């Protein structure tokens, strides 16, 4: 039988014991929600204080250094709390993955593209196939995603904002598959350079989502289909 702590969300069963409650995804998600609400309140106070300091400086005043140092310390504390929450969220995701009826994990795939329609098209197809998908509109968001949670594969446009796709491919090629999608704006020599290290370099056409899925299924364990 599946322990309560690893039951799928919404599964029937008795109330978890005190020991199980620490790993029950539902309880941990509630704790994460409370933690994020606390950070939101703190960030609101910080924004107000920073605005006061900026206004003082703009009017020709000299902000108090002690106050600025205190703001920086509070910001560092908030960032540390946010990082801790990100780690715990990854733990919740792992628990939910393990709770799948057939016991298979859902490989995490990061999709990077400036186009919302492409992100949705590719992301929805991968999610329907059972992958756990995170999307990012540019390199800044992509780096934040990678820093907070490991992924099993990356699908990226050949020239997303704030991201050098070639550097990304070269940095990750020996650890995980990277699929590059192109729309014809990138010179052929750059496409060839990307294709030499990427798992695949695919043109963006109506079948792009299915073709990306085919490549990922060649390199990753087949996930359990989404219900």
Protein backbone atom coordinates (compact mmCIF):
# COMPACT_ATOMS: atom_id res chain seq x y z
CA UNK A 1 0.00 0.00 0.00
CA UNK A 2 1.06 3.58 -0.66
CA UNK A 3 1.94 5.51 2.54
CA UNK A 4 -0.26 8.54 3.24
CA UNK A 5 2.75 10.82 2.84
CA UNK A 6 3.13 9.64 -0.76
CA UNK A 7 -0.50 9.42 -1.83
CA UNK A 8 -1.51 11.44 -4.88
CA UNK A 9 -3.23 14.71 -4.00
CA UNK A 10 -6.90 14.06 -3.41
CA UNK A 11 -6.40 10.35 -2.75
CA UNK A 12 -8.62 8.80 -0.14
CA UNK A 13 -7.30 7.52 3.13
CA UNK A 14 -7.15 8.26 6.81
CA UNK A 15 -5.54 11.33 8.30
CA UNK A 16 -1.75 11.20 8.19
CA UNK A 17 0.15 10.58 11.38
CA UNK A 18 2.35 13.20 13.02
CA UNK A 19 5.39 11.71 11.30
CA UNK A 20 3.72 11.64 7.87
CA UNK A 21 2.46 15.23 8.14
CA UNK A 22 6.01 16.52 7.78
CA UNK A 23 6.25 15.01 4.28
CA UNK A 24 2.60 15.19 3.16
CA UNK A 25 2.68 17.39 0.01
CA UNK A 26 -0.61 19.07 0.91
CA UNK A 27 0.59 20.15 4.34
CA UNK A 28 3.94 21.25 2.96
CA UNK A 29 2.21 23.29 0.26
CA UNK A 30 0.17 25.04 2.96
CA UNK A 31 3.40 25.80 4.82
CA UNK A 32 4.95 27.15 1.62
CA UNK A 33 1.92 29.36 1.06
CA UNK A 34 2.24 30.80 4.55
CA UNK A 35 5.96 31.37 4.02
CA UNK A 36 5.40 33.16 0.72
CA UNK A 37 2.72 35.35 2.28
CA UNK A 38 5.20 36.33 4.99
CA UNK A 39 7.81 37.24 2.38
CA UNK A 40 5.21 39.26 0.47
CA UNK A 41 4.45 41.35 3.54
CA UNK A 42 8.14 41.89 4.23
CA UNK A 43 8.83 42.83 0.61
CA UNK A 44 5.99 45.37 0.74
CA UNK A 45 7.57 47.04 3.77
CA UNK A 46 10.98 47.00 2.10
CA UNK A 47 9.63 48.61 -1.06
CA UNK A 48 8.08 51.41 0.99
CA UNK A 49 11.31 52.06 2.90
CA UNK A 50 13.43 51.95 -0.25
CA UNK A 51 11.05 54.44 -1.89
CA UNK A 52 11.52 56.79 1.06
CA UNK A 53 15.31 56.53 0.83
CA UNK A 54 15.22 57.15 -2.93
CA UNK A 55 12.92 60.13 -2.50
CA UNK A 56 15.23 61.56 0.15
CA UNK A 57 18.23 61.20 -2.14
CA UNK A 58 16.34 62.70 -5.09
CA UNK A 59 15.49 65.79 -3.03
CA UNK A 60 19.15 66.40 -2.28
CA UNK A 61 19.27 64.75 1.13
CA UNK A 62 21.86 62.21 2.29
CA UNK A 63 20.22 58.91 3.29
CA UNK A 64 21.25 57.50 6.65
CA UNK A 65 23.89 54.81 6.13
CA UNK A 66 22.68 52.81 9.11
CA UNK A 67 19.21 52.67 7.61
CA UNK A 68 20.58 51.54 4.24
CA UNK A 69 22.66 48.80 5.90
CA UNK A 70 19.59 47.61 7.77
CA UNK A 71 17.60 47.48 4.53
CA UNK A 72 20.35 45.43 2.87
CA UNK A 73 20.40 42.97 5.76
CA UNK A 74 16.64 42.55 5.59
CA UNK A 75 16.85 42.02 1.85
CA UNK A 76 19.54 39.36 2.29
CA UNK A 77 17.39 37.63 4.91
CA UNK A 78 14.39 37.71 2.59
CA UNK A 79 16.41 36.24 -0.28
CA UNK A 80 17.69 33.47 1.98
CA UNK A 81 14.13 32.64 3.05
CA UNK A 82 13.02 32.61 -0.59
CA UNK A 83 15.87 30.26 -1.52
CA UNK A 84 14.89 27.94 1.33
CA UNK A 85 11.29 27.93 0.13
CA UNK A 86 12.47 27.07 -3.39
CA UNK A 87 14.37 24.06 -2.02
CA UNK A 88 11.32 22.92 -0.06
CA UNK A 89 9.10 23.37 -3.12
CA UNK A 90 11.43 21.05 -5.02
CA UNK A 91 10.98 18.54 -2.20
CA UNK A 92 7.21 18.81 -2.50
CA UNK A 93 7.46 18.26 -6.25
CA UNK A 94 9.56 15.16 -5.69
CA UNK A 95 7.01 13.79 -3.23
CA UNK A 96 4.20 14.38 -5.72
CA UNK A 97 6.24 12.75 -8.49
CA UNK A 98 6.81 9.66 -6.37
CA UNK A 99 3.09 9.54 -5.61
CA UNK A 100 2.17 8.74 -9.20
CA UNK A 101 0.15 5.52 -9.37
CA UNK A 102 2.78 3.70 -11.44
CA UNK A 103 5.68 5.11 -9.43
CA UNK A 104 7.36 6.82 -12.37
CA UNK A 105 8.98 10.22 -11.97
CA UNK A 106 7.97 13.21 -14.08
CA UNK A 107 11.16 14.58 -15.68
CA UNK A 108 11.42 18.35 -15.28
CA UNK A 109 11.83 20.23 -18.58
CA UNK A 110 12.60 23.95 -18.91
CA UNK A 111 11.19 25.63 -22.04
CA UNK A 112 12.76 29.00 -22.92
CA UNK A 113 11.24 31.17 -25.65
CA UNK A 114 10.27 34.83 -25.96
CA UNK A 115 7.07 33.84 -27.76
CA UNK A 116 4.17 33.09 -25.44
CA UNK A 117 2.42 31.04 -28.14
CA UNK A 118 5.51 28.84 -28.61
CA UNK A 119 5.94 28.37 -24.85
CA UNK A 120 2.32 27.32 -24.52
CA UNK A 121 2.33 25.12 -27.63
CA UNK A 122 5.46 23.20 -26.67
CA UNK A 123 4.86 23.29 -22.91
CA UNK A 124 1.28 22.01 -23.15
CA UNK A 125 2.33 19.15 -25.42
CA UNK A 126 5.12 18.05 -23.08
CA UNK A 127 2.88 18.37 -20.02
CA UNK A 128 0.20 16.25 -21.69
CA UNK A 129 2.86 13.60 -22.30
CA UNK A 130 3.66 13.51 -18.59
CA UNK A 131 6.62 15.88 -18.28
CA UNK A 132 6.83 18.47 -15.51
CA UNK A 133 7.25 21.72 -17.47
CA UNK A 134 8.53 25.15 -16.46
CA UNK A 135 8.55 27.98 -19.00
CA UNK A 136 10.68 31.12 -19.19
CA UNK A 137 10.42 34.12 -21.52
CA UNK A 138 14.09 35.07 -21.35
CA UNK A 139 17.50 34.12 -20.02
CA UNK A 140 17.10 35.96 -16.73
CA UNK A 141 14.04 33.93 -15.79
CA UNK A 142 15.66 30.77 -17.14
CA UNK A 143 18.76 31.20 -14.95
CA UNK A 144 16.54 31.80 -11.91
CA UNK A 145 14.61 28.62 -12.68
CA UNK A 146 17.80 26.59 -13.09
CA UNK A 147 19.21 27.97 -9.86
CA UNK A 148 16.13 27.05 -7.86
CA UNK A 149 15.38 23.64 -9.33
CA UNK A 150 17.36 21.13 -11.39
CA UNK A 151 15.92 20.00 -14.70
CA UNK A 152 16.29 16.89 -16.84
CA UNK A 153 16.25 18.71 -20.18
CA UNK A 154 16.09 22.19 -21.70
CA UNK A 155 14.20 23.35 -24.79
CA UNK A 156 15.38 26.79 -25.88
CA UNK A 157 15.01 29.19 -28.76
CA UNK A 158 18.26 29.80 -30.64
CA UNK A 159 18.34 33.47 -29.63
CA UNK A 160 16.21 34.19 -26.54
CA UNK A 161 16.61 37.57 -24.78
CA UNK A 162 19.41 37.73 -22.19
CA UNK A 163 20.68 34.24 -23.03
CA UNK A 164 23.45 32.92 -25.26
CA UNK A 165 21.99 29.65 -26.50
CA UNK A 166 25.36 28.40 -27.72
CA UNK A 167 26.96 28.90 -24.31
CA UNK A 168 24.00 27.18 -22.67
CA UNK A 169 24.26 24.20 -25.00
CA UNK A 170 28.02 23.86 -24.49
CA UNK A 171 27.67 24.15 -20.71
CA UNK A 172 24.88 21.58 -20.42
CA UNK A 173 25.47 19.15 -23.30
CA UNK A 174 27.48 16.70 -21.19
CA UNK A 175 24.89 16.67 -18.38
CA UNK A 176 21.46 16.86 -19.99
CA UNK A 177 19.84 17.09 -23.42
CA UNK A 178 19.27 20.56 -24.85
CA UNK A 179 16.87 20.96 -27.76
CA UNK A 180 17.28 24.17 -29.77
CA UNK A 181 14.45 25.59 -31.87
CA UNK A 182 15.04 28.08 -34.68
CA UNK A 183 12.85 30.40 -36.72
CA UNK A 184 15.21 31.13 -39.61
CA UNK A 185 16.67 34.37 -38.26
CA UNK A 186 19.90 32.76 -37.08
CA UNK A 187 22.73 32.42 -39.64
CA UNK A 188 23.35 28.91 -40.94
CA UNK A 189 26.84 28.70 -39.43
CA UNK A 190 25.45 29.44 -35.97
CA UNK A 191 22.73 26.83 -36.46
CA UNK A 192 25.39 24.27 -37.41
CA UNK A 193 27.42 25.19 -34.33
CA UNK A 194 24.38 24.73 -32.11
CA UNK A 195 23.45 21.45 -33.77
CA UNK A 196 26.92 20.02 -33.18
CA UNK A 197 26.40 20.00 -29.39
CA UNK A 198 22.62 20.08 -28.93
CA UNK A 199 20.48 16.97 -28.72
CA UNK A 200 18.61 18.41 -31.71
CA UNK A 201 18.21 21.66 -33.60
CA UNK A 202 14.66 21.94 -34.93
CA UNK A 203 12.95 24.55 -37.13
CA UNK A 204 9.80 26.10 -35.69
CA UNK A 205 6.97 24.72 -37.77
CA UNK A 206 3.47 23.45 -36.93
CA UNK A 207 4.91 20.10 -35.83
CA UNK A 208 7.57 21.57 -33.51
CA UNK A 209 5.91 20.41 -30.28
CA UNK A 210 5.64 16.80 -31.44
CA UNK A 211 9.20 16.82 -32.76
CA UNK A 212 10.55 18.19 -29.45
CA UNK A 213 8.64 15.46 -27.62
CA UNK A 214 10.12 12.78 -29.88
CA UNK A 215 13.66 14.00 -29.13
CA UNK A 216 13.06 14.10 -25.36
CA UNK A 217 11.62 10.58 -25.40
CA UNK A 218 14.83 9.42 -27.05
CA UNK A 219 16.97 10.87 -24.25
CA UNK A 220 14.82 10.62 -21.11
CA UNK A 221 12.83 7.89 -19.37
CA UNK A 222 9.24 7.85 -20.57
CA UNK A 223 7.09 9.69 -17.99
CA UNK A 224 3.67 8.65 -16.85
CA UNK A 225 0.98 10.40 -18.96
CA UNK A 226 -0.88 13.19 -17.21
CA UNK A 227 -4.32 12.16 -15.96
